[in-house]
Amino acid sequence: MTQELITISPIDGREIVRRAYASDAQIGRALEQAQQAQRAWHALSIAERGRIVSAAVDSFVAAREEIARAITIQMGRPLKYTPGEVAGFESRARHMIAIADEALAPITVPDLAGFTRFISREPIGVALTIAPWNYPLLTAVNSIVPALMAGNTVILKHSDQTPLCAELIERAFRDAGAPTGVFQYLHANHDTVQRLVRAPEIGYVSFTGSVRGGRSIEESAAGRFIGVGLELGGNDPAYVREDAKLDQAVESLVDGAFFNSGQSCCGIQRIYVARSRYDEFVERAVALTQDYVLGNPLHADTTLGPVVRTRAAAEIREVIAEAISAGAQNAIDPSHFTNASESSCYVAPAILTRVNHRMRVMSDECFGPVVGVMPVDGDDEAVALMNGSPYGLTAAVYTQDEDAALSLGRQVQAGTFFMNRCDHLDPALAWTGVKHSGRGVSLSVVGYEQLTQAKSFHLRSV
């Protein structure tokens, strides 16, 4: 087993980070410090914890330019967009801090003479956050901030592709004066992660990643009776109804499919369009997609960067080739994107027509700039097709009829249902999925429930 992580930039294949994995001694020390610090951290008031976490957020966003560049060189998103992830980190963190009093308030029950009764929300202890590379800040903040506000301590294990993000977050907490052990990170390989999940000091695990990774986490946690939150990706659909405003739908869905080079668990991968609007939708989507500039993400004019690894690029090209061999057509001429090449991480975007649900692109997650578009004859067919996937993270409908949207939303199997937008996360709403998109909830007041343990107080006066 390798003893160090090596991060290769998808921009040019250069090694940019090399770090030793945590030793047994470092792991043991981190667990002990987290457990010891948690008692004193919990003893602080919510307001006191909020002041320290807010100071860490202040420190973090003050370094936005450094952080944005670190994200770009590690995973390849264009530098013109990565500052937006720092802003998203701040927005989610501030919201979860602001609602902590409400979310963590005791639950009261009807008065009963001679008794004091309530349910408190107690911390679970030490939370382990396992974060991926595709949105290295946004996926991490979802659990880190509410866990800390609830009185837990946190250990972050980040992807080997984005280790600098863990280090930069830890630096912000250190600069903010967070007590030792309250927030830590560990660089760890797969075997070490399994050991961490099994460690008796860990009381909750938040994992964002693949279905295979989620199964591994569940297997490691089996028999421990701890909470496990799993956000496992998607094969997210959108439906463009006959009454949709087509310009808005095209702009939203092309961005939803291709932003971050399609490497988003809630990115749009399947689009169903009312048959009367289908040809026009495809024509406009192709024209807009051809305006993208695929290239070095450090360049100011680049709007589409490389995917994360050459292996990932090969898998994406394989999905496209399989669909075409089964009868699909690529409405985008790949030669339009001159920087795309078979041996690199640079993949031309693809809009596949003549697709069906026997093709992988319409039934499984393809983490790249690929979307399939099908015509449909009405709402019933659209709902059946939208539900025809083992995933259920988000779904969207484009329409001017809100009543119709609500009716469709109640039928579609998804954790979040949108009207006239997609690929978005609102921290005031619960972030959750169904089917293979995972289980558990993050963000919103509901997200605090997984990071706390209910404790009933039943006090009798005599």
Protein backbone atom coordinates (compact mmCIF):
# COMPACT_ATOMS: atom_id res chain seq x y z
CA MET A 1 0.00 0.00 0.00
CA THR A 2 1.37 3.41 -1.01
CA GLN A 3 2.46 5.64 1.88
CA GLU A 4 1.79 9.00 0.24
CA LEU A 5 -0.72 10.76 -1.92
CA ILE A 6 0.29 12.36 -5.19
CA THR A 7 -1.98 14.90 -6.89
CA ILE A 8 -1.64 15.21 -10.66
CA SER A 9 -3.13 18.35 -12.21
CA PRO A 10 -5.54 17.63 -15.08
CA ILE A 11 -4.39 20.85 -16.70
CA ASP A 12 -1.06 19.51 -17.90
CA GLY A 13 -0.32 16.24 -16.08
CA ARG A 14 2.16 17.79 -13.66
CA GLU A 15 2.55 16.62 -10.08
CA ILE A 16 1.40 19.51 -7.90
CA VAL A 17 1.02 18.00 -4.41
CA ARG A 18 2.78 15.19 -2.58
CA ARG A 19 1.87 14.39 1.02
CA ALA A 20 2.53 11.53 3.41
CA TYR A 21 -0.56 9.68 4.54
CA ALA A 22 -1.28 9.93 8.24
CA SER A 23 0.63 7.46 10.39
CA ASP A 24 -1.02 5.26 13.00
CA ALA A 25 0.33 7.60 15.67
CA GLN A 26 -1.09 10.68 13.94
CA ILE A 27 -4.48 9.00 13.53
CA GLY A 28 -4.58 7.97 17.17
CA ARG A 29 -3.59 11.45 18.29
CA ALA A 30 -6.22 13.10 16.07
CA LEU A 31 -8.98 10.87 17.42
CA GLU A 32 -7.90 11.46 21.01
CA GLN A 33 -7.67 15.23 20.55
CA ALA A 34 -11.06 15.37 18.86
CA GLN A 35 -12.70 13.39 21.63
CA GLN A 36 -11.08 15.41 24.39
CA ALA A 37 -11.80 18.77 22.76
CA GLN A 38 -15.45 17.90 22.19
CA ARG A 39 -16.39 18.08 25.86
CA ALA A 40 -15.13 21.63 26.28
CA TRP A 41 -16.44 22.67 22.86
CA HIS A 42 -19.93 21.44 23.74
CA ALA A 43 -19.76 23.34 27.03
CA LEU A 44 -19.57 26.61 25.10
CA SER A 45 -22.84 28.32 24.22
CA ILE A 46 -24.13 28.25 20.65
CA ALA A 47 -23.25 31.94 20.39
CA GLU A 48 -19.68 31.32 21.55
CA ARG A 49 -19.23 28.46 19.09
CA GLY A 50 -20.76 30.67 16.41
CA ARG A 51 -18.23 33.44 17.01
CA ILE A 52 -15.31 31.07 16.50
CA VAL A 53 -16.80 29.37 13.44
CA SER A 54 -17.71 32.76 11.95
CA ALA A 55 -14.15 33.97 12.50
CA ALA A 56 -12.88 30.89 10.68
CA VAL A 57 -15.21 31.63 7.77
CA ASP A 58 -13.93 35.23 7.73
CA SER A 59 -10.35 34.00 7.62
CA PHE A 60 -11.11 31.48 4.92
CA VAL A 61 -12.88 33.80 2.49
CA ALA A 62 -10.21 36.46 2.97
CA ALA A 63 -7.90 34.09 1.07
CA ARG A 64 -10.39 33.57 -1.78
CA GLU A 65 -7.89 34.19 -4.57
CA GLU A 66 -5.40 31.67 -3.20
CA ILE A 67 -8.17 29.13 -2.59
CA ALA A 68 -9.74 29.62 -6.02
CA ARG A 69 -6.43 29.00 -7.75
CA ALA A 70 -5.80 25.93 -5.59
CA ILE A 71 -9.13 24.45 -6.68
CA THR A 72 -8.40 25.16 -10.34
CA ILE A 73 -4.95 23.60 -10.43
CA GLN A 74 -6.10 20.54 -8.47
CA MET A 75 -9.30 19.62 -10.31
CA GLY A 76 -9.44 21.78 -13.43
CA ARG A 77 -12.47 24.06 -13.12
CA PRO A 78 -11.87 27.38 -14.94
CA LEU A 79 -10.40 30.06 -12.71
CA LYS A 80 -13.17 32.45 -13.71
CA TYR A 81 -15.61 30.23 -11.79
CA THR A 82 -13.71 28.87 -8.77
CA PRO A 83 -14.09 32.08 -6.71
CA GLY A 84 -17.80 31.29 -6.84
CA GLU A 85 -17.20 28.15 -4.81
CA VAL A 86 -15.54 30.20 -2.09
CA ALA A 87 -18.62 32.44 -2.09
CA GLY A 88 -20.85 29.38 -1.90
CA PHE A 89 -18.85 28.05 1.04
CA GLU A 90 -19.38 31.36 2.83
CA SER A 91 -23.10 31.53 2.03
CA ARG A 92 -23.81 28.02 3.29
CA ALA A 93 -21.67 28.46 6.38
CA ARG A 94 -23.29 31.78 7.31
CA HIS A 95 -26.77 30.34 6.85
CA MET A 96 -26.11 27.30 9.01
CA ILE A 97 -24.59 29.50 11.71
CA ALA A 98 -27.59 31.85 11.58
CA ILE A 99 -30.18 29.09 12.03
CA ALA A 100 -28.30 27.18 14.74
CA ASP A 101 -30.31 28.64 17.62
CA GLU A 102 -33.57 27.63 15.97
CA ALA A 103 -32.33 24.22 14.82
CA LEU A 104 -30.79 23.29 18.16
CA ALA A 105 -33.50 24.66 20.42
CA PRO A 106 -35.11 22.13 22.78
CA ILE A 107 -38.36 20.61 21.59
CA THR A 108 -41.14 21.48 23.99
CA VAL A 109 -44.19 19.38 24.73
CA PRO A 110 -47.56 20.36 26.23
CA ASP A 111 -47.46 21.45 29.87
CA LEU A 112 -48.29 18.80 32.43
CA ALA A 113 -48.86 19.84 36.04
CA GLY A 114 -45.98 18.79 38.29
CA PHE A 115 -43.63 17.94 35.44
CA THR A 116 -40.99 19.62 33.30
CA ARG A 117 -40.61 17.83 29.98
CA PHE A 118 -38.58 18.61 26.90
CA ILE A 119 -36.31 17.03 24.30
CA SER A 120 -32.80 18.42 23.96
CA ARG A 121 -30.53 18.03 20.95
CA GLU A 122 -27.19 16.66 22.15
CA PRO A 123 -24.04 16.39 20.02
CA ILE A 124 -22.99 12.95 18.81
CA GLY A 125 -19.30 13.55 19.60
CA VAL A 126 -16.79 13.36 16.78
CA ALA A 127 -17.97 13.70 13.17
CA LEU A 128 -15.93 12.38 10.24
CA THR A 129 -16.45 14.24 6.95
CA ILE A 130 -15.25 12.49 3.79
CA ALA A 131 -15.31 15.00 0.94
CA PRO A 132 -14.81 14.58 -2.83
CA TRP A 133 -12.85 16.61 -5.36
CA ASN A 134 -15.59 17.89 -7.69
CA TYR A 135 -16.85 20.62 -5.32
CA PRO A 136 -14.20 20.37 -2.63
CA LEU A 137 -15.52 23.25 -0.50
CA LEU A 138 -19.27 22.99 -0.99
CA THR A 139 -19.46 19.28 -0.20
CA ALA A 140 -17.34 19.69 2.91
CA VAL A 141 -19.05 22.74 4.40
CA ASN A 142 -22.45 21.01 4.33
CA SER A 143 -21.49 18.89 7.32
CA ILE A 144 -18.52 20.70 8.88
CA VAL A 145 -20.29 23.87 9.98
CA PRO A 146 -23.51 22.37 11.38
CA ALA A 147 -21.51 19.64 13.11
CA LEU A 148 -19.39 22.24 14.87
CA MET A 149 -22.33 24.49 15.69
CA ALA A 150 -24.09 21.50 17.27
CA GLY A 151 -21.17 20.97 19.66
CA ASN A 152 -19.36 18.20 17.81
CA THR A 153 -15.72 18.19 16.77
CA VAL A 154 -14.79 17.36 13.18
CA ILE A 155 -12.12 15.38 11.34
CA LEU A 156 -12.02 16.03 7.59
CA LYS A 157 -10.66 13.52 5.11
CA HIS A 158 -10.47 15.10 1.67
CA SER A 159 -9.97 13.54 -1.74
CA ASP A 160 -6.40 12.83 -2.79
CA GLN A 161 -7.14 15.09 -5.77
CA THR A 162 -7.84 18.14 -3.57
CA PRO A 163 -5.74 17.82 -0.39
CA LEU A 164 -4.92 21.52 -0.35
CA CYS A 165 -8.56 22.32 0.36
CA ALA A 166 -8.46 20.41 3.64
CA GLU A 167 -5.26 22.18 4.61
CA LEU A 168 -6.65 25.62 3.78
CA ILE A 169 -9.83 25.04 5.79
CA GLU A 170 -7.78 23.85 8.78
CA ARG A 171 -5.56 26.92 8.49
CA ALA A 172 -8.61 29.17 8.69
CA PHE A 173 -9.82 27.50 11.89
CA ARG A 174 -6.33 27.69 13.39
CA ASP A 175 -6.04 31.39 12.51
CA ALA A 176 -9.47 31.99 14.05
CA GLY A 177 -8.29 30.60 17.37
CA ALA A 178 -10.34 27.41 17.34
CA PRO A 179 -9.31 25.19 20.28
CA THR A 180 -6.92 22.34 19.47
CA GLY A 181 -8.80 19.27 18.30
CA VAL A 182 -12.04 21.03 17.36
CA PHE A 183 -11.31 20.86 13.62
CA GLN A 184 -8.64 18.62 12.10
CA TYR A 185 -7.87 16.95 8.80
CA LEU A 186 -6.16 13.69 7.94
CA HIS A 187 -4.71 12.62 4.62
CA ALA A 188 -5.73 8.98 4.48
CA ASN A 189 -5.87 6.07 2.04
CA HIS A 190 -8.84 3.74 1.59
CA ASP A 191 -7.78 1.28 4.30
CA THR A 192 -7.28 4.09 6.81
CA VAL A 193 -10.72 5.54 6.02
CA GLN A 194 -12.27 2.16 6.81
CA ARG A 195 -10.39 2.11 10.12
CA LEU A 196 -11.59 5.63 10.94
CA VAL A 197 -15.20 4.69 10.29
CA ARG A 198 -14.79 1.72 12.62
CA ALA A 199 -13.01 3.75 15.32
CA PRO A 200 -15.05 3.97 18.54
CA GLU A 201 -14.29 7.69 18.82
CA ILE A 202 -16.24 8.45 15.61
CA GLY A 203 -19.94 9.08 16.20
CA TYR A 204 -21.09 10.14 12.73
CA VAL A 205 -19.83 9.83 9.15
CA SER A 206 -20.72 12.19 6.31
CA PHE A 207 -19.68 10.82 2.91
CA THR A 208 -20.08 12.36 -0.54
CA GLY A 209 -18.98 10.21 -3.45
CA SER A 210 -19.81 7.18 -5.56
CA VAL A 211 -22.36 4.45 -4.91
CA ARG A 212 -19.50 1.99 -4.57
CA GLY A 213 -17.83 4.25 -2.02
CA GLY A 214 -21.10 4.61 -0.12
CA ARG A 215 -21.49 0.84 0.12
CA SER A 216 -17.96 0.60 1.50
CA ILE A 217 -18.76 3.20 4.16
CA GLU A 218 -21.94 1.37 5.15
CA GLU A 219 -20.07 -1.93 5.38
CA SER A 220 -17.36 -0.38 7.55
CA ALA A 221 -19.97 1.19 9.86
CA ALA A 222 -22.09 -1.97 10.11
CA GLY A 223 -22.77 -2.95 13.70
CA ARG A 224 -21.54 0.35 15.14
CA PHE A 225 -25.03 1.88 15.31
CA ILE A 226 -23.79 5.34 14.32
CA GLY A 227 -25.33 7.80 11.91
CA VAL A 228 -24.11 7.72 8.31
CA GLY A 229 -25.03 10.36 5.75
CA LEU A 230 -24.47 9.33 2.13
CA GLU A 231 -24.71 11.66 -0.87
CA LEU A 232 -23.93 9.40 -3.79
CA GLY A 233 -24.56 11.22 -7.03
CA GLY A 234 -27.19 11.26 -9.71
CA ASN A 235 -28.41 10.82 -13.24
CA ASP A 236 -30.58 13.89 -12.98
CA PRO A 237 -33.44 14.59 -15.41
CA ALA A 238 -35.20 17.72 -16.66
CA TYR A 239 -38.47 18.06 -18.54
CA VAL A 240 -39.17 20.95 -20.91
CA ARG A 241 -42.95 21.26 -21.22
CA GLU A 242 -44.70 22.68 -24.25
CA ASP A 243 -45.37 25.97 -22.42
CA ALA A 244 -41.76 26.53 -21.36
CA LYS A 245 -39.89 29.73 -22.14
CA LEU A 246 -37.39 28.09 -24.45
CA ASP A 247 -34.61 30.68 -24.26
CA GLN A 248 -34.53 30.43 -20.48
CA ALA A 249 -34.78 26.63 -20.50
CA VAL A 250 -31.92 26.23 -22.98
CA GLU A 251 -29.63 28.61 -21.12
CA SER A 252 -30.35 26.96 -17.77
CA LEU A 253 -30.06 23.37 -18.96
CA VAL A 254 -26.93 23.76 -21.05
CA ASP A 255 -25.26 25.31 -18.02
CA GLY A 256 -26.73 22.56 -15.82
CA ALA A 257 -25.26 19.90 -18.08
CA PHE A 258 -21.81 21.36 -18.77
CA PHE A 259 -20.80 23.56 -15.82
CA ASN A 260 -17.78 22.09 -14.03
CA SER A 261 -17.32 19.92 -17.15
CA GLY A 262 -20.42 17.99 -16.12
CA GLN A 263 -18.75 16.82 -12.90
CA SER A 264 -21.65 17.57 -10.62
CA CYS A 265 -23.76 15.00 -8.80
CA CYS A 266 -26.83 17.17 -9.43
CA GLY A 267 -25.84 18.17 -12.96
CA ILE A 268 -28.35 17.51 -15.74
CA GLN A 269 -27.70 14.33 -17.70
CA ARG A 270 -31.14 13.60 -19.20
CA ILE A 271 -33.46 16.11 -20.89
CA TYR A 272 -36.99 15.27 -22.02
CA VAL A 273 -38.59 17.84 -24.31
CA ALA A 274 -42.20 18.17 -25.47
CA ARG A 275 -42.18 16.87 -29.04
CA SER A 276 -43.47 20.15 -30.50
CA ARG A 277 -40.47 22.02 -29.03
CA TYR A 278 -37.84 19.30 -29.43
CA ASP A 279 -36.14 20.33 -32.69
CA GLU A 280 -35.94 23.97 -31.71
CA PHE A 281 -34.60 23.08 -28.26
CA VAL A 282 -31.83 20.92 -29.71
CA GLU A 283 -30.91 23.56 -32.29
CA ARG A 284 -30.61 26.28 -29.65
CA ALA A 285 -28.77 24.03 -27.20
CA VAL A 286 -26.20 23.11 -29.85
CA ALA A 287 -25.64 26.76 -30.77
CA LEU A 288 -25.11 27.74 -27.14
CA THR A 289 -22.80 24.79 -26.44
CA GLN A 290 -20.61 25.70 -29.40
CA ASP A 291 -19.93 29.04 -27.72
CA TYR A 292 -18.04 27.26 -24.93
CA VAL A 293 -14.26 27.60 -24.92
CA LEU A 294 -12.49 24.37 -23.96
CA GLY A 295 -8.97 24.94 -22.77
CA ASN A 296 -6.51 25.70 -20.00
CA PRO A 297 -8.63 26.67 -16.99
CA LEU A 298 -6.09 29.27 -15.89
CA HIS A 299 -6.81 31.31 -19.02
CA ALA A 300 -9.38 34.08 -18.66
CA ASP A 301 -11.45 33.12 -21.72
CA THR A 302 -11.82 29.42 -20.84
CA THR A 303 -15.37 28.37 -19.93
CA LEU A 304 -14.90 24.58 -20.06
CA GLY A 305 -11.92 22.98 -18.39
CA PRO A 306 -10.53 19.45 -18.36
CA VAL A 307 -12.15 16.61 -16.46
CA VAL A 308 -10.33 15.43 -13.39
CA ARG A 309 -8.23 12.53 -14.70
CA THR A 310 -7.29 10.85 -17.98
CA ARG A 311 -9.04 7.70 -16.74
CA ALA A 312 -12.24 9.66 -16.19
CA ALA A 313 -11.93 11.20 -19.66
CA ALA A 314 -11.58 7.75 -21.22
CA GLU A 315 -14.70 6.53 -19.40
CA ILE A 316 -16.71 9.52 -20.61
CA ARG A 317 -15.62 8.95 -24.21
CA GLU A 318 -16.59 5.30 -23.80
CA VAL A 319 -20.13 6.24 -22.73
CA ILE A 320 -20.46 8.51 -25.78
CA ALA A 321 -19.08 5.85 -28.14
CA GLU A 322 -21.40 3.16 -26.72
CA ALA A 323 -24.44 5.37 -27.26
CA ILE A 324 -23.43 6.22 -30.82
CA SER A 325 -22.81 2.56 -31.64
CA ALA A 326 -26.33 1.83 -30.35
CA GLY A 327 -27.91 4.44 -32.63
CA ALA A 328 -27.49 7.77 -30.90
CA GLN A 329 -26.19 10.85 -32.71
CA ASN A 330 -23.89 13.49 -31.31
CA ALA A 331 -25.35 16.86 -32.29
CA ILE A 332 -22.01 18.49 -31.43
CA ASP A 333 -19.10 18.13 -33.84
CA PRO A 334 -16.16 17.29 -31.51
CA SER A 335 -13.71 18.82 -33.98
CA HIS A 336 -15.21 22.21 -33.09
CA PHE A 337 -13.31 21.90 -29.79
CA THR A 338 -9.74 21.77 -31.01
CA ASN A 339 -8.20 21.30 -27.55
CA ALA A 340 -9.99 17.99 -27.03
CA SER A 341 -7.78 14.96 -27.57
CA GLU A 342 -8.07 11.25 -26.88
CA SER A 343 -4.99 11.08 -24.65
CA SER A 344 -5.78 14.09 -22.43
CA CYS A 345 -8.27 15.20 -19.79
CA TYR A 346 -9.86 17.62 -22.26
CA VAL A 347 -13.23 16.26 -23.43
CA ALA A 348 -15.51 17.97 -25.95
CA PRO A 349 -19.09 18.44 -24.72
CA ALA A 350 -21.68 16.12 -26.25
CA ILE A 351 -25.41 16.50 -26.84
CA LEU A 352 -26.73 13.06 -27.74
CA THR A 353 -29.99 12.68 -29.65
CA ARG A 354 -31.83 9.51 -30.67
CA VAL A 355 -31.11 8.12 -27.24
CA ASN A 356 -33.08 5.59 -25.22
CA HIS A 357 -33.01 4.14 -21.72
CA ARG A 358 -31.06 1.08 -22.79
CA MET A 359 -28.05 3.38 -23.17
CA ARG A 360 -25.80 4.00 -20.19
CA VAL A 361 -25.99 7.77 -20.60
CA MET A 362 -29.72 7.66 -19.82
CA SER A 363 -29.62 5.14 -17.00
CA ASP A 364 -26.37 5.60 -15.06
CA GLU A 365 -24.19 8.43 -13.85
CA CYS A 366 -21.70 9.77 -16.40
CA PHE A 367 -19.51 12.31 -14.65
CA GLY A 368 -18.66 14.46 -17.64
CA PRO A 369 -19.91 17.01 -20.21
CA VAL A 370 -22.52 14.71 -21.76
CA VAL A 371 -26.30 15.03 -21.95
CA GLY A 372 -28.96 12.97 -23.72
CA VAL A 373 -32.09 14.62 -25.15
CA MET A 374 -35.35 12.77 -25.93
CA PRO A 375 -38.75 13.96 -27.24
CA VAL A 376 -41.81 13.05 -25.16
CA ASP A 377 -45.56 13.12 -25.71
CA GLY A 378 -46.92 14.65 -22.56
CA ASP A 379 -46.50 14.74 -18.79
CA ASP A 380 -47.19 11.07 -18.11
CA GLU A 381 -44.44 9.86 -20.43
CA ALA A 382 -42.04 12.47 -19.04
CA VAL A 383 -42.66 11.38 -15.44
CA ALA A 384 -42.21 7.70 -16.31
CA LEU A 385 -38.90 8.41 -18.02
CA MET A 386 -37.68 10.77 -15.30
CA ASN A 387 -38.30 8.01 -12.76
CA GLY A 388 -36.65 5.42 -14.99
CA SER A 389 -33.26 5.64 -13.28
CA PRO A 390 -31.78 4.07 -10.16
CA TYR A 391 -30.84 7.58 -8.98
CA GLY A 392 -32.98 10.31 -7.45
CA LEU A 393 -31.04 13.38 -6.38
CA THR A 394 -32.70 16.27 -8.21
CA ALA A 395 -35.15 16.75 -11.06
CA ALA A 396 -36.42 19.84 -12.87
CA VAL A 397 -39.37 20.97 -14.97
CA TYR A 398 -39.48 24.02 -17.21
CA THR A 399 -42.97 25.44 -17.44
CA GLN A 400 -45.04 28.56 -16.80
CA ASP A 401 -47.66 26.56 -14.91
CA GLU A 402 -46.73 26.29 -11.23
CA ASP A 403 -49.71 24.05 -10.43
CA ALA A 404 -48.56 21.61 -13.10
CA ALA A 405 -45.03 21.77 -11.72
CA LEU A 406 -46.25 20.95 -8.20
CA SER A 407 -48.28 18.02 -9.53
CA LEU A 408 -45.28 16.67 -11.45
CA GLY A 409 -42.99 17.24 -8.48
CA ARG A 410 -45.15 15.03 -6.28
CA GLN A 411 -44.82 12.21 -8.81
CA VAL A 412 -41.10 12.44 -9.59
CA GLN A 413 -38.74 10.48 -7.34
CA ALA A 414 -36.10 12.97 -6.27
CA GLY A 415 -34.72 14.65 -3.17
CA THR A 416 -35.12 18.13 -4.69
CA PHE A 417 -37.55 19.19 -7.40
CA PHE A 418 -37.01 22.44 -9.32
CA MET A 419 -39.14 24.59 -11.57
CA ASN A 420 -37.29 26.69 -14.15
CA ARG A 421 -33.86 26.06 -12.66
CA CYS A 422 -31.50 23.16 -12.02
CA ASP A 423 -28.10 22.20 -10.62
CA HIS A 424 -28.54 24.40 -7.57
CA LEU A 425 -28.46 24.00 -3.82
CA ASP A 426 -30.34 26.28 -1.42
CA PRO A 427 -28.97 25.94 2.13
CA ALA A 428 -32.40 26.78 3.57
CA LEU A 429 -33.74 23.57 2.02
CA ALA A 430 -32.89 19.98 2.88
CA TRP A 431 -30.25 18.44 0.62
CA THR A 432 -31.11 14.79 0.25
CA GLY A 433 -31.57 12.01 -2.27
CA VAL A 434 -33.56 8.84 -2.82
CA LYS A 435 -32.74 5.45 -4.34
CA HIS A 436 -29.03 5.17 -5.25
CA SER A 437 -28.49 8.87 -4.63
CA GLY A 438 -28.07 7.98 -0.98
CA ARG A 439 -29.71 8.63 2.34
CA GLY A 440 -29.64 11.22 5.06
CA VAL A 441 -30.00 15.00 4.97
CA SER A 442 -27.61 17.92 5.08
CA LEU A 443 -28.25 21.67 5.33
CA SER A 444 -31.45 23.42 6.52
CA VAL A 445 -32.79 22.97 10.04
CA VAL A 446 -33.43 19.32 9.11
CA GLY A 447 -29.72 18.82 8.49
CA TYR A 448 -28.99 19.43 12.15
CA GLU A 449 -31.03 16.38 13.13
CA GLN A 450 -28.43 13.90 11.87
CA LEU A 451 -25.67 15.68 13.74
CA THR A 452 -27.43 15.55 17.09
CA GLN A 453 -28.92 12.92 19.37
CA ALA A 454 -32.36 13.43 20.89
CA LYS A 455 -32.35 13.32 24.67
CA SER A 456 -35.58 13.43 26.68
CA PHE A 457 -35.85 15.18 30.02
CA HIS A 458 -38.72 14.05 32.27
CA LEU A 459 -38.58 15.94 35.58
CA ARG A 460 -41.19 15.39 38.29
CA SER A 461 -41.75 17.86 41.14
CA VAL A 462 -42.50 16.28 44.54
